[in-house]
Amino acid sequence: MAFSLAVAAALAVALPVSVVEGYPTGAPVSACTEMFPNHRMNHENASLPDVRYSSQNLSTAPYRITADVQGNGKVKVSLRVTNDSKYWEGFFLQARVQGTTTPVGMWEGLPTNAQTRDCPSGNKNAVTHKSETKTTTLEVTWTPPAAPANMTVVFRGTFVKEFEDFWVGLESDALAVNAYVSASVHLRSLTTVVMGTALLTTVAFMF
């Protein structure tokens, strides 16, 4: 017994100590552009490089992102597994104008295990997990920005099953959406804009 303890102690001293770096309480703002979880095995031994885990091939992703425009102009976005034996413990979700890397719009209607992030260029323009709860389905609401008037967006997500088992950049089908006009805008204000536009058009035509 004494020998075993001595060997164990010697091995503990001799072997480099490694610590897995993860984000159990949600993705950080620093991940807004790449949407990469940046899970690394950090070695205390400076001579060893940090090992950054690689994203899995998207063709193997057991997840799906779908989006449906609601009657009020907002979009219901659903995340779910496509295999009953799968789940995710972490996720990061954004809406992006197709072909760009900048998140747009604003998220609301979050379940208790989700929270927003303020990525550069906006507020509440990304959603992530709060804890490592095993999840199989999730729904959130996205509000388009007030401009431009029309845009084509994709909902892009990262799913983390475990530290070394994750998928980056899974996207929904492209969705055409219109600029969101809040119900708090008074009808009189909208009428003034419409009448003013019509008057300017008439004057221009006369000249």
N, C-alpha and C. Protein backbone atom coordinates (compact mmCIF):
# COMPACT_ATOMS: atom_id res chain seq x y z
N MET A 1 0.83 -1.20 0.00
CA MET A 1 0.00 0.00 0.00
C MET A 1 0.87 1.25 0.00
N ALA A 2 1.91 1.23 0.85
CA ALA A 2 2.80 2.39 0.93
C ALA A 2 3.50 2.60 -0.40
N PHE A 3 3.88 1.46 -1.06
CA PHE A 3 4.55 1.57 -2.36
C PHE A 3 3.62 2.17 -3.40
N SER A 4 2.38 1.72 -3.40
CA SER A 4 1.40 2.21 -4.37
C SER A 4 1.17 3.71 -4.21
N LEU A 5 1.07 4.15 -2.99
CA LEU A 5 0.88 5.57 -2.74
C LEU A 5 2.09 6.36 -3.20
N ALA A 6 3.29 5.81 -2.97
CA ALA A 6 4.52 6.49 -3.37
C ALA A 6 4.59 6.62 -4.89
N VAL A 7 4.20 5.54 -5.60
CA VAL A 7 4.21 5.57 -7.06
C VAL A 7 3.21 6.59 -7.58
N ALA A 8 2.03 6.59 -6.99
CA ALA A 8 0.99 7.52 -7.42
C ALA A 8 1.44 8.96 -7.23
N ALA A 9 2.09 9.21 -6.09
CA ALA A 9 2.58 10.57 -5.81
C ALA A 9 3.65 10.96 -6.81
N ALA A 10 4.53 10.02 -7.13
CA ALA A 10 5.61 10.31 -8.08
C ALA A 10 5.05 10.61 -9.46
N LEU A 11 4.03 9.85 -9.89
CA LEU A 11 3.42 10.07 -11.19
C LEU A 11 2.72 11.42 -11.24
N ALA A 12 2.09 11.78 -10.15
CA ALA A 12 1.37 13.06 -10.09
C ALA A 12 2.33 14.22 -10.28
N VAL A 13 3.55 14.06 -9.74
CA VAL A 13 4.55 15.12 -9.87
C VAL A 13 5.16 15.13 -11.26
N ALA A 14 5.37 13.93 -11.80
CA ALA A 14 6.09 13.82 -13.07
C ALA A 14 5.24 14.20 -14.26
N LEU A 15 3.96 13.84 -14.24
CA LEU A 15 3.11 14.08 -15.40
C LEU A 15 2.65 15.53 -15.45
N PRO A 16 2.57 16.14 -16.65
CA PRO A 16 2.09 17.51 -16.77
C PRO A 16 0.61 17.59 -16.41
N VAL A 17 0.24 18.65 -15.77
CA VAL A 17 -1.15 18.85 -15.36
C VAL A 17 -1.88 19.55 -16.50
N SER A 18 -3.05 19.04 -16.83
CA SER A 18 -3.84 19.63 -17.90
C SER A 18 -5.20 20.05 -17.36
N VAL A 19 -5.69 21.15 -17.87
CA VAL A 19 -6.99 21.65 -17.46
C VAL A 19 -7.82 21.95 -18.70
N VAL A 20 -9.04 21.45 -18.74
CA VAL A 20 -9.90 21.71 -19.88
C VAL A 20 -10.57 23.06 -19.69
N GLU A 21 -10.42 23.94 -20.70
CA GLU A 21 -11.03 25.26 -20.65
C GLU A 21 -12.34 25.23 -21.42
N GLY A 22 -13.45 25.49 -20.74
CA GLY A 22 -14.75 25.49 -21.39
C GLY A 22 -15.60 26.63 -20.85
N TYR A 23 -16.84 26.70 -21.30
CA TYR A 23 -17.73 27.79 -20.88
C TYR A 23 -19.08 27.20 -20.47
N PRO A 24 -19.14 26.63 -19.25
CA PRO A 24 -20.38 25.99 -18.80
C PRO A 24 -21.54 26.97 -18.58
N THR A 25 -21.24 28.27 -18.45
CA THR A 25 -22.32 29.24 -18.20
C THR A 25 -22.59 30.11 -19.42
N GLY A 26 -22.19 29.65 -20.60
CA GLY A 26 -22.53 30.37 -21.82
C GLY A 26 -21.31 30.83 -22.59
N ALA A 27 -21.50 30.99 -23.91
CA ALA A 27 -20.41 31.45 -24.77
C ALA A 27 -20.07 32.90 -24.47
N PRO A 28 -18.78 33.25 -24.51
CA PRO A 28 -18.37 34.63 -24.24
C PRO A 28 -18.53 35.50 -25.49
N VAL A 29 -18.51 36.81 -25.30
CA VAL A 29 -18.63 37.74 -26.41
C VAL A 29 -17.48 37.56 -27.40
N SER A 30 -16.34 37.10 -26.92
CA SER A 30 -15.18 36.91 -27.79
C SER A 30 -15.44 35.86 -28.87
N ALA A 31 -16.49 35.07 -28.71
CA ALA A 31 -16.81 34.03 -29.70
C ALA A 31 -17.81 34.51 -30.74
N CYS A 32 -18.17 35.78 -30.71
CA CYS A 32 -19.25 36.28 -31.56
C CYS A 32 -19.00 36.10 -33.06
N THR A 33 -17.77 36.27 -33.51
CA THR A 33 -17.51 36.20 -34.95
C THR A 33 -17.33 34.77 -35.43
N GLU A 34 -16.40 34.04 -34.83
CA GLU A 34 -16.13 32.67 -35.27
C GLU A 34 -17.19 31.69 -34.78
N MET A 35 -17.83 32.01 -33.67
CA MET A 35 -18.80 31.12 -33.01
C MET A 35 -18.14 29.79 -32.64
N PHE A 36 -16.84 29.85 -32.37
CA PHE A 36 -16.07 28.66 -32.01
C PHE A 36 -15.97 28.58 -30.50
N PRO A 37 -16.26 27.43 -29.89
CA PRO A 37 -16.24 27.34 -28.43
C PRO A 37 -14.86 27.46 -27.80
N ASN A 38 -13.80 27.31 -28.60
CA ASN A 38 -12.43 27.50 -28.10
C ASN A 38 -12.11 26.60 -26.92
N HIS A 39 -12.58 25.37 -26.98
CA HIS A 39 -12.25 24.41 -25.93
C HIS A 39 -10.82 23.93 -26.12
N ARG A 40 -10.02 24.12 -25.11
CA ARG A 40 -8.60 23.75 -25.19
C ARG A 40 -8.21 22.90 -23.97
N MET A 41 -7.21 22.09 -24.19
CA MET A 41 -6.56 21.38 -23.09
C MET A 41 -5.31 22.17 -22.76
N ASN A 42 -5.34 22.95 -21.68
CA ASN A 42 -4.22 23.82 -21.32
C ASN A 42 -3.22 23.08 -20.43
N HIS A 43 -1.98 23.00 -20.89
CA HIS A 43 -0.95 22.29 -20.15
C HIS A 43 -0.14 23.26 -19.29
N GLU A 44 0.10 22.89 -18.04
CA GLU A 44 0.94 23.72 -17.18
C GLU A 44 2.40 23.66 -17.64
N ASN A 45 2.73 22.58 -18.35
CA ASN A 45 4.07 22.45 -18.89
C ASN A 45 4.17 23.35 -20.12
N ALA A 46 4.92 24.43 -20.01
CA ALA A 46 5.01 25.43 -21.08
C ALA A 46 5.59 24.88 -22.37
N SER A 47 6.29 23.75 -22.30
CA SER A 47 6.90 23.19 -23.50
C SER A 47 5.88 22.46 -24.37
N LEU A 48 4.69 22.22 -23.82
CA LEU A 48 3.65 21.52 -24.57
C LEU A 48 2.65 22.53 -25.12
N PRO A 49 2.29 22.44 -26.39
CA PRO A 49 1.32 23.38 -26.95
C PRO A 49 -0.08 23.10 -26.45
N ASP A 50 -0.89 24.15 -26.38
CA ASP A 50 -2.30 23.95 -26.03
C ASP A 50 -3.00 23.27 -27.20
N VAL A 51 -3.82 22.31 -26.90
CA VAL A 51 -4.52 21.56 -27.93
C VAL A 51 -5.92 22.12 -28.10
N ARG A 52 -6.22 22.64 -29.27
CA ARG A 52 -7.55 23.17 -29.55
C ARG A 52 -8.35 22.09 -30.27
N TYR A 53 -9.45 21.69 -29.67
CA TYR A 53 -10.27 20.66 -30.28
C TYR A 53 -10.86 21.18 -31.59
N SER A 54 -11.14 20.28 -32.53
CA SER A 54 -11.66 20.65 -33.84
C SER A 54 -13.17 20.44 -33.92
N SER A 55 -13.81 21.29 -34.70
CA SER A 55 -15.24 21.14 -34.94
C SER A 55 -15.50 19.87 -35.73
N GLN A 56 -16.62 19.21 -35.41
CA GLN A 56 -17.02 18.03 -36.17
C GLN A 56 -17.56 18.45 -37.54
N ASN A 57 -17.57 17.52 -38.47
CA ASN A 57 -18.12 17.79 -39.79
C ASN A 57 -19.62 18.06 -39.69
N LEU A 58 -20.07 19.15 -40.33
CA LEU A 58 -21.48 19.53 -40.21
C LEU A 58 -22.42 18.47 -40.76
N SER A 59 -21.93 17.64 -41.68
CA SER A 59 -22.79 16.60 -42.23
C SER A 59 -23.17 15.55 -41.19
N THR A 60 -22.44 15.51 -40.09
CA THR A 60 -22.73 14.54 -39.02
C THR A 60 -23.52 15.15 -37.88
N ALA A 61 -23.84 16.44 -37.98
CA ALA A 61 -24.52 17.12 -36.87
C ALA A 61 -25.91 16.54 -36.62
N PRO A 62 -26.18 16.09 -35.39
CA PRO A 62 -27.50 15.52 -35.08
C PRO A 62 -28.49 16.59 -34.63
N TYR A 63 -28.37 17.78 -35.20
CA TYR A 63 -29.21 18.90 -34.79
C TYR A 63 -29.80 19.60 -36.00
N ARG A 64 -30.86 20.38 -35.78
CA ARG A 64 -31.48 21.12 -36.87
C ARG A 64 -31.99 22.46 -36.34
N ILE A 65 -31.86 23.50 -37.19
CA ILE A 65 -32.38 24.84 -36.86
C ILE A 65 -33.45 25.17 -37.89
N THR A 66 -34.66 25.50 -37.41
CA THR A 66 -35.74 25.90 -38.31
C THR A 66 -36.27 27.25 -37.88
N ALA A 67 -36.86 27.98 -38.82
CA ALA A 67 -37.37 29.32 -38.54
C ALA A 67 -38.68 29.56 -39.27
N ASP A 68 -39.63 30.19 -38.57
CA ASP A 68 -40.94 30.48 -39.15
C ASP A 68 -41.34 31.91 -38.80
N VAL A 69 -41.72 32.67 -39.84
CA VAL A 69 -42.18 34.04 -39.62
C VAL A 69 -43.58 34.01 -39.02
N GLN A 70 -43.78 34.77 -37.95
CA GLN A 70 -45.07 34.84 -37.28
C GLN A 70 -45.92 35.98 -37.86
N GLY A 71 -47.19 36.01 -37.48
CA GLY A 71 -48.10 37.03 -37.98
C GLY A 71 -47.71 38.45 -37.60
N ASN A 72 -46.97 38.60 -36.50
CA ASN A 72 -46.56 39.93 -36.06
C ASN A 72 -45.23 40.37 -36.66
N GLY A 73 -44.68 39.58 -37.56
CA GLY A 73 -43.42 39.94 -38.21
C GLY A 73 -42.19 39.38 -37.53
N LYS A 74 -42.35 38.87 -36.31
CA LYS A 74 -41.21 38.26 -35.62
C LYS A 74 -41.03 36.83 -36.10
N VAL A 75 -39.92 36.22 -35.72
CA VAL A 75 -39.59 34.88 -36.22
C VAL A 75 -39.40 33.92 -35.04
N LYS A 76 -40.09 32.79 -35.11
CA LYS A 76 -39.89 31.75 -34.11
C LYS A 76 -38.80 30.81 -34.60
N VAL A 77 -37.73 30.69 -33.83
CA VAL A 77 -36.60 29.84 -34.21
C VAL A 77 -36.56 28.64 -33.27
N SER A 78 -36.47 27.46 -33.87
CA SER A 78 -36.48 26.22 -33.09
C SER A 78 -35.18 25.46 -33.28
N LEU A 79 -34.63 24.98 -32.18
CA LEU A 79 -33.46 24.09 -32.19
C LEU A 79 -33.92 22.73 -31.70
N ARG A 80 -33.47 21.68 -32.36
CA ARG A 80 -33.86 20.36 -31.89
C ARG A 80 -32.88 19.30 -32.38
N VAL A 81 -32.91 18.15 -31.71
CA VAL A 81 -32.06 17.04 -32.11
C VAL A 81 -32.79 16.26 -33.21
N THR A 82 -32.02 15.59 -34.05
CA THR A 82 -32.59 14.76 -35.10
C THR A 82 -32.39 13.28 -34.80
N ASN A 83 -31.82 13.01 -33.62
CA ASN A 83 -31.57 11.64 -33.18
C ASN A 83 -31.98 11.55 -31.72
N ASP A 84 -32.87 10.64 -31.40
CA ASP A 84 -33.42 10.55 -30.04
C ASP A 84 -32.36 10.30 -28.98
N SER A 85 -31.22 9.76 -29.36
CA SER A 85 -30.18 9.45 -28.37
C SER A 85 -29.22 10.62 -28.15
N LYS A 86 -29.42 11.72 -28.86
CA LYS A 86 -28.50 12.85 -28.77
C LYS A 86 -29.08 13.98 -27.92
N TYR A 87 -28.22 14.95 -27.61
CA TYR A 87 -28.57 16.13 -26.84
C TYR A 87 -27.45 17.13 -27.02
N TRP A 88 -27.63 18.34 -26.49
CA TRP A 88 -26.52 19.29 -26.42
C TRP A 88 -26.45 19.86 -25.02
N GLU A 89 -25.27 20.25 -24.62
CA GLU A 89 -25.06 20.86 -23.31
C GLU A 89 -24.78 22.36 -23.43
N GLY A 90 -24.37 22.79 -24.62
CA GLY A 90 -24.09 24.20 -24.84
C GLY A 90 -24.47 24.58 -26.27
N PHE A 91 -24.83 25.85 -26.47
CA PHE A 91 -25.13 26.30 -27.83
C PHE A 91 -24.89 27.80 -27.93
N PHE A 92 -24.77 28.28 -29.15
CA PHE A 92 -24.59 29.70 -29.43
C PHE A 92 -25.33 29.97 -30.73
N LEU A 93 -26.24 30.94 -30.73
CA LEU A 93 -27.12 31.15 -31.87
C LEU A 93 -27.18 32.63 -32.26
N GLN A 94 -27.13 32.89 -33.56
CA GLN A 94 -27.24 34.25 -34.10
C GLN A 94 -28.10 34.23 -35.35
N ALA A 95 -28.62 35.41 -35.71
CA ALA A 95 -29.22 35.63 -37.03
C ALA A 95 -28.25 36.51 -37.79
N ARG A 96 -27.94 36.12 -39.02
CA ARG A 96 -27.01 36.90 -39.84
C ARG A 96 -27.63 37.15 -41.21
N VAL A 97 -27.40 38.36 -41.73
CA VAL A 97 -27.77 38.59 -43.12
C VAL A 97 -26.94 37.62 -43.95
N GLN A 98 -27.59 36.92 -44.86
CA GLN A 98 -26.92 35.88 -45.62
C GLN A 98 -25.65 36.40 -46.29
N GLY A 99 -24.55 35.69 -46.10
CA GLY A 99 -23.29 36.07 -46.70
C GLY A 99 -22.44 37.00 -45.86
N THR A 100 -22.90 37.34 -44.63
CA THR A 100 -22.12 38.21 -43.74
C THR A 100 -21.82 37.48 -42.44
N THR A 101 -20.99 38.11 -41.61
CA THR A 101 -20.63 37.53 -40.31
C THR A 101 -21.16 38.36 -39.14
N THR A 102 -21.98 39.37 -39.45
CA THR A 102 -22.46 40.27 -38.41
C THR A 102 -23.85 39.87 -37.94
N PRO A 103 -24.03 39.62 -36.62
CA PRO A 103 -25.36 39.29 -36.12
C PRO A 103 -26.28 40.49 -36.17
N VAL A 104 -27.55 40.25 -36.48
CA VAL A 104 -28.54 41.33 -36.59
C VAL A 104 -29.78 40.97 -35.78
N GLY A 105 -30.63 41.99 -35.56
CA GLY A 105 -31.87 41.76 -34.85
C GLY A 105 -31.69 41.61 -33.36
N MET A 106 -32.75 41.15 -32.70
CA MET A 106 -32.75 41.03 -31.25
C MET A 106 -33.54 39.80 -30.83
N TRP A 107 -33.05 39.14 -29.77
CA TRP A 107 -33.68 37.91 -29.28
C TRP A 107 -34.52 38.17 -28.04
N GLU A 108 -35.63 37.44 -27.93
CA GLU A 108 -36.51 37.55 -26.76
C GLU A 108 -37.25 36.23 -26.61
N GLY A 109 -38.14 36.18 -25.62
CA GLY A 109 -38.91 34.97 -25.39
C GLY A 109 -38.05 33.77 -25.08
N LEU A 110 -37.03 33.98 -24.24
CA LEU A 110 -36.08 32.90 -23.95
C LEU A 110 -36.59 31.97 -22.86
N PRO A 111 -36.28 30.67 -22.97
CA PRO A 111 -36.58 29.75 -21.87
C PRO A 111 -35.61 29.99 -20.72
N THR A 112 -35.85 29.32 -19.61
CA THR A 112 -35.05 29.58 -18.40
C THR A 112 -33.59 29.18 -18.55
N ASN A 113 -33.28 28.26 -19.46
CA ASN A 113 -31.90 27.79 -19.60
C ASN A 113 -31.15 28.50 -20.72
N ALA A 114 -31.62 29.71 -21.11
CA ALA A 114 -30.95 30.47 -22.17
C ALA A 114 -30.81 31.93 -21.75
N GLN A 115 -29.84 32.62 -22.37
CA GLN A 115 -29.59 34.03 -22.07
C GLN A 115 -29.04 34.71 -23.32
N THR A 116 -29.17 36.04 -23.38
CA THR A 116 -28.67 36.76 -24.54
C THR A 116 -27.24 37.24 -24.32
N ARG A 117 -26.57 37.57 -25.42
CA ARG A 117 -25.26 38.19 -25.40
C ARG A 117 -25.31 39.43 -26.29
N ASP A 118 -24.57 40.45 -25.91
CA ASP A 118 -24.47 41.67 -26.71
C ASP A 118 -23.20 41.61 -27.55
N CYS A 119 -23.32 41.07 -28.75
CA CYS A 119 -22.16 41.04 -29.64
C CYS A 119 -21.95 42.44 -30.22
N PRO A 120 -20.74 42.76 -30.66
CA PRO A 120 -20.48 44.07 -31.24
C PRO A 120 -21.47 44.40 -32.35
N SER A 121 -21.90 45.64 -32.38
CA SER A 121 -22.85 46.17 -33.38
C SER A 121 -24.30 46.03 -32.98
N GLY A 122 -24.58 45.53 -31.77
CA GLY A 122 -25.98 45.39 -31.39
C GLY A 122 -26.19 45.02 -29.94
N ASN A 123 -27.46 44.86 -29.57
CA ASN A 123 -27.84 44.45 -28.22
C ASN A 123 -28.71 43.19 -28.30
N LYS A 124 -28.46 42.26 -27.41
CA LYS A 124 -29.22 41.02 -27.36
C LYS A 124 -29.31 40.36 -28.73
N ASN A 125 -28.19 40.38 -29.46
CA ASN A 125 -28.18 39.85 -30.81
C ASN A 125 -27.58 38.45 -30.93
N ALA A 126 -27.44 37.78 -29.80
CA ALA A 126 -27.00 36.38 -29.79
C ALA A 126 -27.62 35.70 -28.57
N VAL A 127 -27.75 34.38 -28.65
CA VAL A 127 -28.33 33.59 -27.55
C VAL A 127 -27.39 32.44 -27.23
N THR A 128 -27.26 32.15 -25.94
CA THR A 128 -26.42 31.04 -25.52
C THR A 128 -27.03 30.37 -24.29
N HIS A 129 -26.42 29.28 -23.84
CA HIS A 129 -26.91 28.52 -22.70
C HIS A 129 -26.53 29.20 -21.38
N LYS A 130 -27.17 28.76 -20.31
CA LYS A 130 -26.83 29.24 -18.97
C LYS A 130 -26.09 28.19 -18.16
N SER A 131 -26.31 26.94 -18.50
CA SER A 131 -25.67 25.84 -17.76
C SER A 131 -25.48 24.67 -18.70
N GLU A 132 -24.86 23.61 -18.20
CA GLU A 132 -24.60 22.43 -19.02
C GLU A 132 -25.75 21.43 -18.98
N THR A 133 -26.96 21.91 -18.88
CA THR A 133 -28.13 21.04 -18.87
C THR A 133 -28.28 20.33 -20.21
N LYS A 134 -28.52 19.03 -20.17
CA LYS A 134 -28.73 18.27 -21.40
C LYS A 134 -30.06 18.69 -22.02
N THR A 135 -30.01 19.18 -23.25
CA THR A 135 -31.19 19.75 -23.90
C THR A 135 -31.42 19.09 -25.25
N THR A 136 -32.70 18.89 -25.60
CA THR A 136 -33.04 18.27 -26.89
C THR A 136 -33.90 19.17 -27.77
N THR A 137 -34.51 20.20 -27.19
CA THR A 137 -35.32 21.11 -27.98
C THR A 137 -35.37 22.47 -27.30
N LEU A 138 -35.45 23.52 -28.10
CA LEU A 138 -35.47 24.88 -27.56
C LEU A 138 -36.10 25.81 -28.58
N GLU A 139 -36.92 26.76 -28.11
CA GLU A 139 -37.54 27.75 -28.99
C GLU A 139 -37.27 29.16 -28.47
N VAL A 140 -36.92 30.06 -29.36
CA VAL A 140 -36.69 31.46 -29.02
C VAL A 140 -37.32 32.33 -30.11
N THR A 141 -37.52 33.61 -29.79
CA THR A 141 -38.12 34.54 -30.74
C THR A 141 -37.10 35.58 -31.18
N TRP A 142 -37.05 35.82 -32.47
CA TRP A 142 -36.12 36.80 -33.04
C TRP A 142 -36.90 37.93 -33.68
N THR A 143 -36.50 39.17 -33.38
CA THR A 143 -37.12 40.36 -33.98
C THR A 143 -36.16 40.96 -35.00
N PRO A 144 -36.60 41.11 -36.26
CA PRO A 144 -35.73 41.71 -37.29
C PRO A 144 -35.41 43.16 -36.93
N PRO A 145 -34.30 43.68 -37.43
CA PRO A 145 -33.99 45.09 -37.20
C PRO A 145 -34.95 45.99 -37.99
N ALA A 146 -34.97 47.27 -37.66
CA ALA A 146 -35.88 48.21 -38.32
C ALA A 146 -35.44 48.53 -39.74
N ALA A 147 -34.20 48.23 -40.08
CA ALA A 147 -33.71 48.49 -41.44
C ALA A 147 -32.58 47.50 -41.72
N PRO A 148 -32.35 47.10 -42.96
CA PRO A 148 -33.05 47.53 -44.17
C PRO A 148 -34.47 46.97 -44.26
N ALA A 149 -35.22 47.45 -45.24
CA ALA A 149 -36.64 47.09 -45.33
C ALA A 149 -36.82 45.59 -45.58
N ASN A 150 -35.98 45.02 -46.42
CA ASN A 150 -36.07 43.59 -46.72
C ASN A 150 -34.68 42.98 -46.65
N MET A 151 -34.62 41.76 -46.17
CA MET A 151 -33.32 41.09 -46.07
C MET A 151 -33.53 39.59 -46.09
N THR A 152 -32.45 38.88 -46.42
CA THR A 152 -32.46 37.42 -46.35
C THR A 152 -31.50 37.02 -45.25
N VAL A 153 -32.01 36.29 -44.28
CA VAL A 153 -31.18 35.93 -43.13
C VAL A 153 -31.05 34.42 -43.02
N VAL A 154 -30.00 33.99 -42.33
CA VAL A 154 -29.84 32.60 -41.94
C VAL A 154 -29.61 32.59 -40.44
N PHE A 155 -30.08 31.58 -39.79
CA PHE A 155 -29.86 31.42 -38.35
C PHE A 155 -28.74 30.41 -38.18
N ARG A 156 -27.66 30.88 -37.60
CA ARG A 156 -26.40 30.12 -37.53
C ARG A 156 -26.13 29.72 -36.08
N GLY A 157 -25.81 28.45 -35.87
CA GLY A 157 -25.62 27.99 -34.51
C GLY A 157 -24.42 27.08 -34.32
N THR A 158 -23.92 27.08 -33.09
CA THR A 158 -22.90 26.14 -32.65
C THR A 158 -23.53 25.27 -31.57
N PHE A 159 -23.33 23.97 -31.66
CA PHE A 159 -23.86 23.03 -30.67
C PHE A 159 -22.71 22.27 -30.03
N VAL A 160 -22.73 22.20 -28.71
CA VAL A 160 -21.69 21.48 -27.97
C VAL A 160 -22.32 20.31 -27.23
N LYS A 161 -21.93 19.10 -27.62
CA LYS A 161 -22.40 17.92 -26.90
C LYS A 161 -21.50 17.67 -25.71
N GLU A 162 -20.19 17.73 -25.95
CA GLU A 162 -19.19 17.63 -24.89
C GLU A 162 -18.01 18.50 -25.31
N PHE A 163 -17.04 18.65 -24.44
CA PHE A 163 -15.92 19.56 -24.71
C PHE A 163 -15.27 19.31 -26.07
N GLU A 164 -15.03 18.05 -26.39
CA GLU A 164 -14.32 17.74 -27.63
C GLU A 164 -15.27 17.32 -28.75
N ASP A 165 -16.56 17.41 -28.51
CA ASP A 165 -17.56 16.93 -29.45
C ASP A 165 -18.56 18.05 -29.74
N PHE A 166 -18.26 18.86 -30.76
CA PHE A 166 -19.13 20.01 -31.05
C PHE A 166 -19.14 20.30 -32.55
N TRP A 167 -20.15 21.06 -32.97
CA TRP A 167 -20.36 21.41 -34.37
C TRP A 167 -20.50 22.93 -34.47
N VAL A 168 -19.73 23.54 -35.35
CA VAL A 168 -19.71 25.00 -35.50
C VAL A 168 -20.26 25.40 -36.86
N GLY A 169 -21.21 26.34 -36.87
CA GLY A 169 -21.67 26.91 -38.13
C GLY A 169 -22.83 26.20 -38.79
N LEU A 170 -23.62 25.46 -38.02
CA LEU A 170 -24.82 24.85 -38.58
C LEU A 170 -25.82 25.95 -38.91
N GLU A 171 -26.44 25.93 -40.08
CA GLU A 171 -27.34 27.01 -40.48
C GLU A 171 -28.73 26.50 -40.85
N SER A 172 -29.70 27.37 -40.63
CA SER A 172 -31.06 27.11 -41.08
C SER A 172 -31.16 27.37 -42.57
N ASP A 173 -32.29 27.07 -43.17
CA ASP A 173 -32.55 27.50 -44.53
C ASP A 173 -32.62 29.02 -44.54
N ALA A 174 -32.27 29.64 -45.66
CA ALA A 174 -32.36 31.10 -45.77
C ALA A 174 -33.83 31.52 -45.67
N LEU A 175 -34.04 32.66 -45.03
CA LEU A 175 -35.40 33.15 -44.79
C LEU A 175 -35.50 34.62 -45.16
N ALA A 176 -36.46 34.98 -45.98
CA ALA A 176 -36.69 36.38 -46.35
C ALA A 176 -37.57 37.03 -45.30
N VAL A 177 -37.12 38.15 -44.73
CA VAL A 177 -37.89 38.84 -43.70
C VAL A 177 -37.96 40.33 -44.03
N ASN A 178 -38.96 40.99 -43.45
CA ASN A 178 -39.14 42.43 -43.61
C ASN A 178 -38.70 43.15 -42.34
N ALA A 179 -38.37 44.42 -42.48
CA ALA A 179 -38.02 45.22 -41.30
C ALA A 179 -39.18 45.21 -40.32
N TYR A 180 -38.85 45.17 -39.05
CA TYR A 180 -39.89 45.10 -38.02
C TYR A 180 -40.35 46.50 -37.62
N VAL A 181 -41.66 46.73 -37.68
CA VAL A 181 -42.24 47.99 -37.23
C VAL A 181 -42.96 47.72 -35.93
N SER A 182 -42.51 48.35 -34.86
CA SER A 182 -43.09 48.13 -33.55
C SER A 182 -44.53 48.61 -33.49
N ALA A 183 -45.35 47.87 -32.74
CA ALA A 183 -46.75 48.26 -32.56
C ALA A 183 -46.87 49.55 -31.78
N SER A 184 -45.78 50.00 -31.15
CA SER A 184 -45.83 51.24 -30.37
C SER A 184 -45.77 52.49 -31.25
N VAL A 185 -45.49 52.31 -32.57
CA VAL A 185 -45.48 53.45 -33.47
C VAL A 185 -46.92 53.88 -33.71
N HIS A 186 -47.24 55.14 -33.45
CA HIS A 186 -48.61 55.62 -33.57
C HIS A 186 -49.06 55.66 -35.02
N LEU A 187 -50.33 55.36 -35.25
CA LEU A 187 -50.90 55.37 -36.58
C LEU A 187 -50.78 56.75 -37.22
N ARG A 188 -50.93 57.82 -36.41
CA ARG A 188 -50.82 59.17 -36.94
C ARG A 188 -49.44 59.42 -37.53
N SER A 189 -48.40 58.87 -36.87
CA SER A 189 -47.03 59.05 -37.36
C SER A 189 -46.85 58.35 -38.70
N LEU A 190 -47.40 57.13 -38.82
CA LEU A 190 -47.29 56.41 -40.07
C LEU A 190 -48.06 57.12 -41.17
N THR A 191 -49.24 57.67 -40.84
CA THR A 191 -50.05 58.38 -41.82
C THR A 191 -49.32 59.61 -42.33
N THR A 192 -48.65 60.31 -41.40
CA THR A 192 -47.89 61.51 -41.78
C THR A 192 -46.79 61.17 -42.76
N VAL A 193 -46.10 60.05 -42.52
CA VAL A 193 -45.02 59.62 -43.40
C VAL A 193 -45.56 59.29 -44.78
N VAL A 194 -46.66 58.54 -44.81
CA VAL A 194 -47.25 58.15 -46.09
C VAL A 194 -47.74 59.36 -46.86
N MET A 195 -48.47 60.29 -46.17
CA MET A 195 -49.00 61.48 -46.83
C MET A 195 -47.88 62.37 -47.33
N GLY A 196 -46.82 62.49 -46.51
CA GLY A 196 -45.68 63.33 -46.89
C GLY A 196 -44.98 62.77 -48.12
N THR A 197 -44.85 61.46 -48.17
CA THR A 197 -44.22 60.82 -49.33
C THR A 197 -45.06 61.04 -50.58
N ALA A 198 -46.39 60.90 -50.45
CA ALA A 198 -47.28 61.10 -51.59
C ALA A 198 -47.22 62.53 -52.09
N LEU A 199 -47.16 63.50 -51.15
CA LEU A 199 -47.09 64.91 -51.53
C LEU A 199 -45.81 65.21 -52.29
N LEU A 200 -44.70 64.69 -51.79
CA LEU A 200 -43.42 64.92 -52.47
C LEU A 200 -43.42 64.31 -53.86
N THR A 201 -44.03 63.13 -53.99
CA THR A 201 -44.09 62.48 -55.28
C THR A 201 -44.92 63.30 -56.27
N THR A 202 -46.03 63.90 -55.77
CA THR A 202 -46.91 64.70 -56.62
C THR A 202 -46.20 65.96 -57.09
N VAL A 203 -45.50 66.63 -56.18
CA VAL A 203 -44.77 67.84 -56.52
C VAL A 203 -43.70 67.57 -57.56
N ALA A 204 -42.96 66.48 -57.37
CA ALA A 204 -41.91 66.11 -58.30
C ALA A 204 -42.49 65.85 -59.69
N PHE A 205 -43.67 65.21 -59.74
CA PHE A 205 -44.29 64.92 -61.01
C PHE A 205 -44.72 66.18 -61.74
N MET A 206 -45.22 67.19 -60.97
CA MET A 206 -45.67 68.46 -61.56
C MET A 206 -44.51 69.19 -62.21
N PHE A 207 -43.32 69.06 -61.66
CA PHE A 207 -42.16 69.76 -62.22
C PHE A 207 -41.50 68.91 -63.30
